[in-house]
Amino acid sequence: MIEKEPQKWEMVFDERQAALIRSCRQYVTDGAPGLPGHQLMLIVAKMTALLDAAGAVFAFEEQPGN
């Protein structure tokens, strides 16, 4: 495993994952109508808001195959 430099939490997600996170945040912003996966989307949005508020920066280890 190769240890990477610390980086803002968003940078560890690929584009597809980042798009899903953005969708969860937008879902909450738009009023959360109760679609399938409702609770999961609320949790992801809340977790990302907490990470933003904390200015979260982490050092991640590169996993084989990533």
N, C-alpha and C. Protein backbone atom coordinates (compact mmCIF):
# COMPACT_ATOMS: atom_id res chain seq x y z
N MET A 1 0.83 -1.18 0.00
CA MET A 1 0.00 0.00 0.00
C MET A 1 0.88 1.25 0.00
N ILE A 2 0.48 2.22 -0.76
CA ILE A 2 1.21 3.47 -0.86
C ILE A 2 0.42 4.54 -0.13
N GLU A 3 1.05 5.19 0.86
CA GLU A 3 0.35 6.24 1.59
C GLU A 3 0.38 7.51 0.76
N LYS A 4 -0.76 8.15 0.66
CA LYS A 4 -0.89 9.39 -0.11
C LYS A 4 -0.81 10.60 0.80
N GLU A 5 -0.57 11.74 0.19
CA GLU A 5 -0.57 13.00 0.92
C GLU A 5 -1.98 13.29 1.42
N PRO A 6 -2.11 13.98 2.56
CA PRO A 6 -3.44 14.36 3.03
C PRO A 6 -4.17 15.18 1.97
N GLN A 7 -5.46 14.95 1.85
CA GLN A 7 -6.26 15.68 0.88
C GLN A 7 -7.67 15.86 1.40
N LYS A 8 -8.36 16.86 0.83
CA LYS A 8 -9.74 17.10 1.23
C LYS A 8 -10.56 15.86 0.92
N TRP A 9 -11.52 15.57 1.75
CA TRP A 9 -12.25 14.30 1.67
C TRP A 9 -12.86 14.02 0.31
N GLU A 10 -13.32 15.05 -0.41
CA GLU A 10 -13.98 14.82 -1.70
C GLU A 10 -13.04 14.21 -2.74
N MET A 11 -11.76 14.47 -2.59
CA MET A 11 -10.78 14.07 -3.60
C MET A 11 -10.54 12.55 -3.65
N VAL A 12 -11.01 11.82 -2.68
CA VAL A 12 -10.77 10.37 -2.66
C VAL A 12 -11.84 9.59 -3.42
N PHE A 13 -12.88 10.27 -3.90
CA PHE A 13 -13.94 9.61 -4.63
C PHE A 13 -13.74 9.78 -6.12
N ASP A 14 -14.09 8.73 -6.89
CA ASP A 14 -14.02 8.87 -8.34
C ASP A 14 -15.21 9.72 -8.81
N GLU A 15 -15.27 10.03 -10.09
CA GLU A 15 -16.30 10.93 -10.61
C GLU A 15 -17.71 10.38 -10.41
N ARG A 16 -17.88 9.09 -10.60
CA ARG A 16 -19.21 8.48 -10.43
C ARG A 16 -19.67 8.59 -8.97
N GLN A 17 -18.78 8.31 -8.04
CA GLN A 17 -19.10 8.41 -6.62
C GLN A 17 -19.38 9.86 -6.23
N ALA A 18 -18.56 10.77 -6.74
CA ALA A 18 -18.74 12.19 -6.44
C ALA A 18 -20.09 12.68 -6.98
N ALA A 19 -20.49 12.20 -8.15
CA ALA A 19 -21.78 12.59 -8.71
C ALA A 19 -22.93 12.10 -7.83
N LEU A 20 -22.80 10.89 -7.29
CA LEU A 20 -23.83 10.36 -6.40
C LEU A 20 -23.92 11.18 -5.12
N ILE A 21 -22.78 11.57 -4.58
CA ILE A 21 -22.76 12.42 -3.38
C ILE A 21 -23.43 13.76 -3.67
N ARG A 22 -23.11 14.36 -4.81
CA ARG A 22 -23.75 15.63 -5.19
C ARG A 22 -25.26 15.45 -5.32
N SER A 23 -25.69 14.33 -5.90
CA SER A 23 -27.12 14.06 -6.04
C SER A 23 -27.80 13.95 -4.69
N CYS A 24 -27.16 13.31 -3.73
CA CYS A 24 -27.73 13.19 -2.38
C CYS A 24 -27.88 14.57 -1.75
N ARG A 25 -26.88 15.40 -1.91
CA ARG A 25 -26.93 16.75 -1.34
C ARG A 25 -28.03 17.57 -2.00
N GLN A 26 -28.17 17.44 -3.32
CA GLN A 26 -29.21 18.17 -4.04
C GLN A 26 -30.59 17.66 -3.65
N TYR A 27 -30.72 16.36 -3.45
CA TYR A 27 -31.98 15.74 -3.03
C TYR A 27 -32.48 16.39 -1.74
N VAL A 28 -31.59 16.55 -0.78
CA VAL A 28 -31.96 17.17 0.50
C VAL A 28 -32.30 18.65 0.29
N THR A 29 -31.51 19.34 -0.51
CA THR A 29 -31.74 20.76 -0.77
C THR A 29 -33.10 21.00 -1.43
N ASP A 30 -33.50 20.08 -2.31
CA ASP A 30 -34.76 20.24 -3.06
C ASP A 30 -36.01 19.82 -2.30
N GLY A 31 -35.86 19.32 -1.08
CA GLY A 31 -37.03 19.00 -0.28
C GLY A 31 -37.24 17.54 0.03
N ALA A 32 -36.38 16.66 -0.40
CA ALA A 32 -36.42 15.24 -0.06
C ALA A 32 -37.82 14.63 -0.12
N PRO A 33 -38.31 14.33 -1.33
CA PRO A 33 -39.68 13.85 -1.48
C PRO A 33 -39.95 12.41 -1.05
N GLY A 34 -38.97 11.66 -0.60
CA GLY A 34 -39.20 10.30 -0.12
C GLY A 34 -39.05 9.23 -1.18
N LEU A 35 -38.09 9.40 -2.07
CA LEU A 35 -37.81 8.39 -3.10
C LEU A 35 -37.20 7.14 -2.48
N PRO A 36 -37.14 6.02 -3.23
CA PRO A 36 -36.43 4.85 -2.71
C PRO A 36 -35.00 5.24 -2.34
N GLY A 37 -34.53 4.76 -1.22
CA GLY A 37 -33.20 5.13 -0.74
C GLY A 37 -33.19 6.44 0.04
N HIS A 38 -34.35 6.91 0.39
CA HIS A 38 -34.54 8.20 1.05
C HIS A 38 -33.61 8.37 2.26
N GLN A 39 -33.66 7.44 3.20
CA GLN A 39 -32.84 7.57 4.42
C GLN A 39 -31.36 7.56 4.10
N LEU A 40 -30.94 6.72 3.18
CA LEU A 40 -29.53 6.67 2.80
C LEU A 40 -29.07 8.01 2.22
N MET A 41 -29.89 8.60 1.36
CA MET A 41 -29.52 9.89 0.76
C MET A 41 -29.44 10.98 1.83
N LEU A 42 -30.35 10.95 2.80
CA LEU A 42 -30.29 11.93 3.89
C LEU A 42 -29.02 11.76 4.71
N ILE A 43 -28.65 10.51 4.98
CA ILE A 43 -27.44 10.24 5.77
C ILE A 43 -26.19 10.70 5.02
N VAL A 44 -26.08 10.38 3.73
CA VAL A 44 -24.91 10.80 2.95
C VAL A 44 -24.80 12.32 2.93
N ALA A 45 -25.91 13.00 2.71
CA ALA A 45 -25.90 14.46 2.66
C ALA A 45 -25.48 15.04 4.01
N LYS A 46 -25.98 14.49 5.09
CA LYS A 46 -25.63 14.99 6.42
C LYS A 46 -24.15 14.74 6.72
N MET A 47 -23.65 13.55 6.39
CA MET A 47 -22.24 13.24 6.63
C MET A 47 -21.33 14.17 5.84
N THR A 48 -21.68 14.46 4.59
CA THR A 48 -20.83 15.35 3.80
C THR A 48 -20.86 16.77 4.33
N ALA A 49 -22.01 17.21 4.82
CA ALA A 49 -22.09 18.54 5.42
C ALA A 49 -21.22 18.62 6.68
N LEU A 50 -21.23 17.56 7.48
CA LEU A 50 -20.39 17.54 8.68
C LEU A 50 -18.91 17.54 8.32
N LEU A 51 -18.53 16.78 7.29
CA LEU A 51 -17.14 16.78 6.84
C LEU A 51 -16.73 18.15 6.33
N ASP A 52 -17.60 18.81 5.58
CA ASP A 52 -17.32 20.17 5.10
C ASP A 52 -17.13 21.13 6.27
N ALA A 53 -18.04 21.07 7.24
CA ALA A 53 -17.97 21.98 8.38
C ALA A 53 -16.70 21.76 9.20
N ALA A 54 -16.23 20.53 9.25
CA ALA A 54 -15.02 20.22 10.01
C ALA A 54 -13.75 20.50 9.21
N GLY A 55 -13.90 20.82 7.93
CA GLY A 55 -12.73 21.02 7.08
C GLY A 55 -11.91 19.74 6.98
N ALA A 56 -12.59 18.62 6.90
CA ALA A 56 -11.95 17.30 6.96
C ALA A 56 -10.90 17.10 5.88
N VAL A 57 -9.72 16.71 6.32
CA VAL A 57 -8.61 16.34 5.44
C VAL A 57 -8.03 15.05 5.99
N PHE A 58 -7.83 14.07 5.12
CA PHE A 58 -7.36 12.76 5.55
C PHE A 58 -6.21 12.29 4.68
N ALA A 59 -5.36 11.43 5.23
CA ALA A 59 -4.36 10.73 4.45
C ALA A 59 -4.89 9.31 4.24
N PHE A 60 -5.02 8.90 3.00
CA PHE A 60 -5.55 7.59 2.69
C PHE A 60 -4.44 6.73 2.11
N GLU A 61 -4.54 5.44 2.33
CA GLU A 61 -3.62 4.50 1.72
C GLU A 61 -4.23 4.01 0.43
N GLU A 62 -3.40 3.92 -0.59
CA GLU A 62 -3.83 3.39 -1.88
C GLU A 62 -4.09 1.90 -1.75
N GLN A 63 -5.27 1.47 -2.14
CA GLN A 63 -5.63 0.06 -2.08
C GLN A 63 -5.30 -0.59 -3.43
N PRO A 64 -4.82 -1.83 -3.41
CA PRO A 64 -4.55 -2.51 -4.69
C PRO A 64 -5.77 -2.53 -5.58
N GLY A 65 -5.59 -2.23 -6.84
CA GLY A 65 -6.69 -2.23 -7.79
C GLY A 65 -7.40 -0.89 -7.90
N ASN A 66 -7.03 0.10 -7.09
CA ASN A 66 -7.68 1.43 -7.16
C ASN A 66 -6.77 2.41 -7.83
